[in-house]
Amino acid sequence: MDNDIKGAQLTTDGTEKAKLYKDAQQTIWKDAPWAPLVVEKLLSAHSKKLSGVYVIPDASFNFTEVDLKL
């Protein structure tokens, strides 16, 4: 990565400079340590009397087709 950045700083060729910076970015992305700060857990309750409630992939709920049987 250091050689890519150094090479990009030394060249005046725009195509070569872009390639070297791209290579450096890919190396940084691949080697960077990642630690998730949040782990999302989806919780929902179920009832045989309730239908039409859907959990949307963004973890919100869709209540437009809710039906409660008494």
PDB file of N, CA and C in Angstrom:
ATOM      1  N   MET A   1       0.818  -1.168   0.000  1.00  0.00           N
ATOM      2  CA  MET A   1       0.000   0.000   0.000  1.00  0.00           C
ATOM      3  C   MET A   1       0.876   1.251   0.000  1.00  0.00           C
ATOM      4  N   ASP A   2       1.906   1.242   0.807  1.00  0.00           N
ATOM      5  CA  ASP A   2       2.813   2.398   0.844  1.00  0.00           C
ATOM      6  C   ASP A   2       3.439   2.652  -0.526  1.00  0.00           C
ATOM      7  N   ASN A   3       3.848   1.580  -1.201  1.00  0.00           N
ATOM      8  CA  ASN A   3       4.457   1.735  -2.525  1.00  0.00           C
ATOM      9  C   ASN A   3       3.457   2.283  -3.537  1.00  0.00           C
ATOM     10  N   ASP A   4       2.190   1.863  -3.441  1.00  0.00           N
ATOM     11  CA  ASP A   4       1.162   2.386  -4.348  1.00  0.00           C
ATOM     12  C   ASP A   4       0.971   3.884  -4.149  1.00  0.00           C
ATOM     13  N   ILE A   5       0.874   4.317  -2.906  1.00  0.00           N
ATOM     14  CA  ILE A   5       0.670   5.742  -2.619  1.00  0.00           C
ATOM     15  C   ILE A   5       1.894   6.551  -3.043  1.00  0.00           C
ATOM     16  N   LYS A   6       3.082   6.039  -2.727  1.00  0.00           N
ATOM     17  CA  LYS A   6       4.309   6.738  -3.110  1.00  0.00           C
ATOM     18  C   LYS A   6       4.408   6.848  -4.631  1.00  0.00           C
ATOM     19  N   GLY A   7       4.084   5.753  -5.331  1.00  0.00           N
ATOM     20  CA  GLY A   7       4.119   5.766  -6.792  1.00  0.00           C
ATOM     21  C   GLY A   7       3.113   6.740  -7.376  1.00  0.00           C
ATOM     22  N   ALA A   8       1.917   6.811  -6.772  1.00  0.00           N
ATOM     23  CA  ALA A   8       0.887   7.734  -7.250  1.00  0.00           C
ATOM     24  C   ALA A   8       1.315   9.185  -7.070  1.00  0.00           C
ATOM     25  N   GLN A   9       2.058   9.463  -6.006  1.00  0.00           N
ATOM     26  CA  GLN A   9       2.525  10.823  -5.762  1.00  0.00           C
ATOM     27  C   GLN A   9       3.650  11.229  -6.720  1.00  0.00           C
ATOM     28  N   LEU A  10       4.379  10.237  -7.217  1.00  0.00           N
ATOM     29  CA  LEU A  10       5.525  10.536  -8.082  1.00  0.00           C
ATOM     30  C   LEU A  10       5.177  10.620  -9.564  1.00  0.00           C
ATOM     31  N   THR A  11       4.065  10.019  -9.974  1.00  0.00           N
ATOM     32  CA  THR A  11       3.733  10.003 -11.397  1.00  0.00           C
ATOM     33  C   THR A  11       2.849  11.183 -11.786  1.00  0.00           C
ATOM     34  N   THR A  12       2.975  11.597 -13.057  1.00  0.00           N
ATOM     35  CA  THR A  12       2.099  12.641 -13.582  1.00  0.00           C
ATOM     36  C   THR A  12       1.061  12.046 -14.541  1.00  0.00           C
ATOM     37  N   ASP A  13       1.160  10.745 -14.786  1.00  0.00           N
ATOM     38  CA  ASP A  13       0.216  10.041 -15.658  1.00  0.00           C
ATOM     39  C   ASP A  13      -1.082   9.798 -14.882  1.00  0.00           C
ATOM     40  N   GLY A  14      -2.157  10.441 -15.306  1.00  0.00           N
ATOM     41  CA  GLY A  14      -3.443  10.342 -14.604  1.00  0.00           C
ATOM     42  C   GLY A  14      -3.982   8.923 -14.516  1.00  0.00           C
ATOM     43  N   THR A  15      -3.828   8.143 -15.575  1.00  0.00           N
ATOM     44  CA  THR A  15      -4.323   6.764 -15.589  1.00  0.00           C
ATOM     45  C   THR A  15      -3.547   5.913 -14.586  1.00  0.00           C
ATOM     46  N   GLU A  16      -2.233   6.065 -14.586  1.00  0.00           N
ATOM     47  CA  GLU A  16      -1.385   5.304 -13.651  1.00  0.00           C
ATOM     48  C   GLU A  16      -1.660   5.726 -12.213  1.00  0.00           C
ATOM     49  N   LYS A  17      -1.829   7.029 -11.994  1.00  0.00           N
ATOM     50  CA  LYS A  17      -2.117   7.558 -10.662  1.00  0.00           C
ATOM     51  C   LYS A  17      -3.428   6.965 -10.133  1.00  0.00           C
ATOM     52  N   ALA A  18      -4.466   6.945 -10.975  1.00  0.00           N
ATOM     53  CA  ALA A  18      -5.772   6.397 -10.568  1.00  0.00           C
ATOM     54  C   ALA A  18      -5.659   4.916 -10.227  1.00  0.00           C
ATOM     55  N   LYS A  19      -4.889   4.163 -11.027  1.00  0.00           N
ATOM     56  CA  LYS A  19      -4.714   2.728 -10.777  1.00  0.00           C
ATOM     57  C   LYS A  19      -4.006   2.496  -9.443  1.00  0.00           C
ATOM     58  N   LEU A  20      -2.943   3.269  -9.194  1.00  0.00           N
ATOM     59  CA  LEU A  20      -2.190   3.094  -7.952  1.00  0.00           C
ATOM     60  C   LEU A  20      -3.040   3.441  -6.725  1.00  0.00           C
ATOM     61  N   TYR A  21      -3.808   4.529  -6.783  1.00  0.00           N
ATOM     62  CA  TYR A  21      -4.674   4.883  -5.658  1.00  0.00           C
ATOM     63  C   TYR A  21      -5.775   3.838  -5.462  1.00  0.00           C
ATOM     64  N   LYS A  22      -6.312   3.312  -6.558  1.00  0.00           N
ATOM     65  CA  LYS A  22      -7.332   2.265  -6.455  1.00  0.00           C
ATOM     66  C   LYS A  22      -6.754   1.017  -5.785  1.00  0.00           C
ATOM     67  N   ASP A  23      -5.541   0.627  -6.188  1.00  0.00           N
ATOM     68  CA  ASP A  23      -4.883  -0.528  -5.573  1.00  0.00           C
ATOM     69  C   ASP A  23      -4.662  -0.291  -4.074  1.00  0.00           C
ATOM     70  N   ALA A  24      -4.244   0.917  -3.709  1.00  0.00           N
ATOM     71  CA  ALA A  24      -4.036   1.253  -2.295  1.00  0.00           C
ATOM     72  C   ALA A  24      -5.346   1.160  -1.522  1.00  0.00           C
ATOM     73  N   GLN A  25      -6.438   1.691  -2.098  1.00  0.00           N
ATOM     74  CA  GLN A  25      -7.739   1.630  -1.429  1.00  0.00           C
ATOM     75  C   GLN A  25      -8.194   0.185  -1.228  1.00  0.00           C
ATOM     76  N   GLN A  26      -7.999  -0.651  -2.228  1.00  0.00           N
ATOM     77  CA  GLN A  26      -8.402  -2.057  -2.107  1.00  0.00           C
ATOM     78  C   GLN A  26      -7.602  -2.763  -1.014  1.00  0.00           C
ATOM     79  N   THR A  27      -6.308  -2.467  -0.923  1.00  0.00           N
ATOM     80  CA  THR A  27      -5.484  -3.061   0.127  1.00  0.00           C
ATOM     81  C   THR A  27      -5.941  -2.598   1.502  1.00  0.00           C
ATOM     82  N   ILE A  28      -6.217  -1.316   1.651  1.00  0.00           N
ATOM     83  CA  ILE A  28      -6.689  -0.775   2.936  1.00  0.00           C
ATOM     84  C   ILE A  28      -8.014  -1.421   3.316  1.00  0.00           C
ATOM     85  N   TRP A  29      -8.934  -1.509   2.381  1.00  0.00           N
ATOM     86  CA  TRP A  29     -10.257  -2.091   2.647  1.00  0.00           C
ATOM     87  C   TRP A  29     -10.124  -3.553   3.067  1.00  0.00           C
ATOM     88  N   LYS A  30      -9.264  -4.295   2.374  1.00  0.00           N
ATOM     89  CA  LYS A  30      -9.102  -5.727   2.651  1.00  0.00           C
ATOM     90  C   LYS A  30      -8.435  -5.960   4.002  1.00  0.00           C
ATOM     91  N   ASP A  31      -7.446  -5.147   4.346  1.00  0.00           N
ATOM     92  CA  ASP A  31      -6.645  -5.367   5.544  1.00  0.00           C
ATOM     93  C   ASP A  31      -7.155  -4.642   6.787  1.00  0.00           C
ATOM     94  N   ALA A  32      -8.113  -3.749   6.639  1.00  0.00           N
ATOM     95  CA  ALA A  32      -8.582  -2.958   7.776  1.00  0.00           C
ATOM     96  C   ALA A  32      -9.304  -3.842   8.792  1.00  0.00           C
ATOM     97  N   PRO A  33      -9.052  -3.624  10.078  1.00  0.00           N
ATOM     98  CA  PRO A  33      -9.783  -4.387  11.092  1.00  0.00           C
ATOM     99  C   PRO A  33     -11.215  -3.859  11.197  1.00  0.00           C
ATOM    100  N   TRP A  34     -12.161  -4.758  11.284  1.00  0.00           N
ATOM    101  CA  TRP A  34     -13.564  -4.369  11.386  1.00  0.00           C
ATOM    102  C   TRP A  34     -14.153  -4.939  12.662  1.00  0.00           C
ATOM    103  N   ALA A  35     -14.824  -4.111  13.404  1.00  0.00           N
ATOM    104  CA  ALA A  35     -15.511  -4.544  14.618  1.00  0.00           C
ATOM    105  C   ALA A  35     -16.918  -3.965  14.588  1.00  0.00           C
ATOM    106  N   PRO A  36     -17.935  -4.819  14.442  1.00  0.00           N
ATOM    107  CA  PRO A  36     -19.298  -4.295  14.418  1.00  0.00           C
ATOM    108  C   PRO A  36     -19.653  -3.640  15.755  1.00  0.00           C
ATOM    109  N   LEU A  37     -20.217  -2.453  15.676  1.00  0.00           N
ATOM    110  CA  LEU A  37     -20.605  -1.735  16.885  1.00  0.00           C
ATOM    111  C   LEU A  37     -22.013  -2.075  17.327  1.00  0.00           C
ATOM    112  N   VAL A  38     -22.820  -2.544  16.384  1.00  0.00           N
ATOM    113  CA  VAL A  38     -24.213  -2.857  16.691  1.00  0.00           C
ATOM    114  C   VAL A  38     -24.566  -4.168  16.005  1.00  0.00           C
ATOM    115  N   VAL A  39     -25.260  -5.015  16.726  1.00  0.00           N
ATOM    116  CA  VAL A  39     -25.805  -6.233  16.143  1.00  0.00           C
ATOM    117  C   VAL A  39     -27.309  -6.147  16.301  1.00  0.00           C
ATOM    118  N   GLU A  40     -27.990  -6.129  15.187  1.00  0.00           N
ATOM    119  CA  GLU A  40     -29.439  -5.959  15.211  1.00  0.00           C
ATOM    120  C   GLU A  40     -30.132  -7.302  15.373  1.00  0.00           C
ATOM    121  N   LYS A  41     -31.063  -7.347  16.280  1.00  0.00           N
ATOM    122  CA  LYS A  41     -31.866  -8.551  16.461  1.00  0.00           C
ATOM    123  C   LYS A  41     -33.324  -8.172  16.255  1.00  0.00           C
ATOM    124  N   LEU A  42     -33.959  -8.863  15.341  1.00  0.00           N
ATOM    125  CA  LEU A  42     -35.364  -8.603  15.078  1.00  0.00           C
ATOM    126  C   LEU A  42     -36.203  -9.487  15.984  1.00  0.00           C
ATOM    127  N   LEU A  43     -37.076  -8.866  16.738  1.00  0.00           N
ATOM    128  CA  LEU A  43     -37.981  -9.599  17.604  1.00  0.00           C
ATOM    129  C   LEU A  43     -39.407  -9.302  17.188  1.00  0.00           C
ATOM    130  N   SER A  44     -40.223 -10.305  17.199  1.00  0.00           N
ATOM    131  CA  SER A  44     -41.641 -10.091  16.924  1.00  0.00           C
ATOM    132  C   SER A  44     -42.438 -11.166  17.642  1.00  0.00           C
ATOM    133  N   ALA A  45     -43.667 -10.839  17.989  1.00  0.00           N
ATOM    134  CA  ALA A  45     -44.563 -11.781  18.655  1.00  0.00           C
ATOM    135  C   ALA A  45     -45.590 -12.268  17.638  1.00  0.00           C
ATOM    136  N   HIS A  46     -46.092 -13.463  17.857  1.00  0.00           N
ATOM    137  CA  HIS A  46     -47.056 -14.045  16.936  1.00  0.00           C
ATOM    138  C   HIS A  46     -48.300 -14.468  17.698  1.00  0.00           C
ATOM    139  N   SER A  47     -49.411 -14.387  17.016  1.00  0.00           N
ATOM    140  CA  SER A  47     -50.683 -14.828  17.591  1.00  0.00           C
ATOM    141  C   SER A  47     -51.523 -15.414  16.468  1.00  0.00           C
ATOM    142  N   LYS A  48     -52.222 -16.513  16.765  1.00  0.00           N
ATOM    143  CA  LYS A  48     -53.104 -17.132  15.769  1.00  0.00           C
ATOM    144  C   LYS A  48     -54.273 -16.210  15.427  1.00  0.00           C
ATOM    145  N   LYS A  49     -54.562 -15.267  16.312  1.00  0.00           N
ATOM    146  CA  LYS A  49     -55.671 -14.342  16.086  1.00  0.00           C
ATOM    147  C   LYS A  49     -55.278 -13.145  15.214  1.00  0.00           C
ATOM    148  N   LEU A  50     -53.998 -12.963  14.973  1.00  0.00           N
ATOM    149  CA  LEU A  50     -53.510 -11.799  14.247  1.00  0.00           C
ATOM    150  C   LEU A  50     -52.899 -12.243  12.922  1.00  0.00           C
ATOM    151  N   SER A  51     -53.320 -11.603  11.851  1.00  0.00           N
ATOM    152  CA  SER A  51     -52.743 -11.904  10.537  1.00  0.00           C
ATOM    153  C   SER A  51     -52.493 -10.592   9.793  1.00  0.00           C
ATOM    154  N   GLY A  52     -51.675 -10.671   8.755  1.00  0.00           N
ATOM    155  CA  GLY A  52     -51.428  -9.511   7.912  1.00  0.00           C
ATOM    156  C   GLY A  52     -50.364  -8.553   8.407  1.00  0.00           C
ATOM    157  N   VAL A  53     -49.610  -8.925   9.423  1.00  0.00           N
ATOM    158  CA  VAL A  53     -48.513  -8.086   9.906  1.00  0.00           C
ATOM    159  C   VAL A  53     -47.228  -8.619   9.295  1.00  0.00           C
ATOM    160  N   TYR A  54     -46.462  -7.751   8.651  1.00  0.00           N
ATOM    161  CA  TYR A  54     -45.237  -8.171   7.985  1.00  0.00           C
ATOM    162  C   TYR A  54     -44.052  -7.357   8.488  1.00  0.00           C
ATOM    163  N   VAL A  55     -42.940  -8.032   8.730  1.00  0.00           N
ATOM    164  CA  VAL A  55     -41.701  -7.347   9.082  1.00  0.00           C
ATOM    165  C   VAL A  55     -40.989  -7.036   7.768  1.00  0.00           C
ATOM    166  N   ILE A  56     -40.711  -5.761   7.546  1.00  0.00           N
ATOM    167  CA  ILE A  56     -40.047  -5.297   6.336  1.00  0.00           C
ATOM    168  C   ILE A  56     -38.528  -5.432   6.557  1.00  0.00           C
ATOM    169  N   PRO A  57     -37.748  -5.674   5.499  1.00  0.00           N
ATOM    170  CA  PRO A  57     -36.304  -5.868   5.670  1.00  0.00           C
ATOM    171  C   PRO A  57     -35.569  -4.773   6.438  1.00  0.00           C
ATOM    172  N   ASP A  58     -36.102  -3.558   6.484  1.00  0.00           N
ATOM    173  CA  ASP A  58     -35.429  -2.502   7.253  1.00  0.00           C
ATOM    174  C   ASP A  58     -35.831  -2.537   8.726  1.00  0.00           C
ATOM    175  N   ALA A  59     -36.502  -3.619   9.154  1.00  0.00           N
ATOM    176  CA  ALA A  59     -36.906  -3.879  10.539  1.00  0.00           C
ATOM    177  C   ALA A  59     -38.144  -3.098  10.965  1.00  0.00           C
ATOM    178  N   SER A  60     -38.782  -2.396  10.054  1.00  0.00           N
ATOM    179  CA  SER A  60     -40.043  -1.754  10.402  1.00  0.00           C
ATOM    180  C   SER A  60     -41.180  -2.729  10.116  1.00  0.00           C
ATOM    181  N   PHE A  61     -42.370  -2.358  10.478  1.00  0.00           N
ATOM    182  CA  PHE A  61     -43.524  -3.243  10.316  1.00  0.00           C
ATOM    183  C   PHE A  61     -44.519  -2.657   9.333  1.00  0.00           C
ATOM    184  N   ASN A  62     -45.222  -3.516   8.645  1.00  0.00           N
ATOM    185  CA  ASN A  62     -46.284  -3.100   7.738  1.00  0.00           C
ATOM    186  C   ASN A  62     -47.601  -3.525   8.371  1.00  0.00           C
ATOM    187  N   PHE A  63     -48.424  -2.549   8.736  1.00  0.00           N
ATOM    188  CA  PHE A  63     -49.692  -2.823   9.387  1.00  0.00           C
ATOM    189  C   PHE A  63     -50.896  -2.568   8.467  1.00  0.00           C
ATOM    190  N   THR A  64     -50.674  -2.382   7.170  1.00  0.00           N
ATOM    191  CA  THR A  64     -51.774  -2.014   6.272  1.00  0.00           C
ATOM    192  C   THR A  64     -52.777  -3.145   6.059  1.00  0.00           C
ATOM    193  N   GLU A  65     -52.371  -4.392   6.249  1.00  0.00           N
ATOM    194  CA  GLU A  65     -53.283  -5.518   6.029  1.00  0.00           C
ATOM    195  C   GLU A  65     -53.580  -6.290   7.309  1.00  0.00           C
ATOM    196  N   VAL A  66     -53.488  -5.625   8.444  1.00  0.00           N
ATOM    197  CA  VAL A  66     -53.685  -6.302   9.734  1.00  0.00           C
ATOM    198  C   VAL A  66     -55.151  -6.722   9.899  1.00  0.00           C
ATOM    199  N   ASP A  67     -55.319  -7.924  10.404  1.00  0.00           N
ATOM    200  CA  ASP A  67     -56.664  -8.432  10.706  1.00  0.00           C
ATOM    201  C   ASP A  67     -56.591  -9.156  12.047  1.00  0.00           C
ATOM    202  N   LEU A  68     -57.433  -8.736  12.993  1.00  0.00           N
ATOM    203  CA  LEU A  68     -57.490  -9.354  14.316  1.00  0.00           C
ATOM    204  C   LEU A  68     -58.793 -10.113  14.425  1.00  0.00           C
ATOM    205  N   LYS A  69     -58.701 -11.411  14.635  1.00  0.00           N
ATOM    206  CA  LYS A  69     -59.889 -12.252  14.788  1.00  0.00           C
ATOM    207  C   LYS A  69     -60.195 -12.419  16.256  1.00  0.00           C
ATOM    208  N   LEU A  70     -61.402 -12.072  16.626  1.00  0.00           N
ATOM    209  CA  LEU A  70     -61.794 -12.179  18.044  1.00  0.00           C
ATOM    210  C   LEU A  70     -62.449 -13.478  18.382  1.00  0.00           C
TER     211      LEU A  70
END
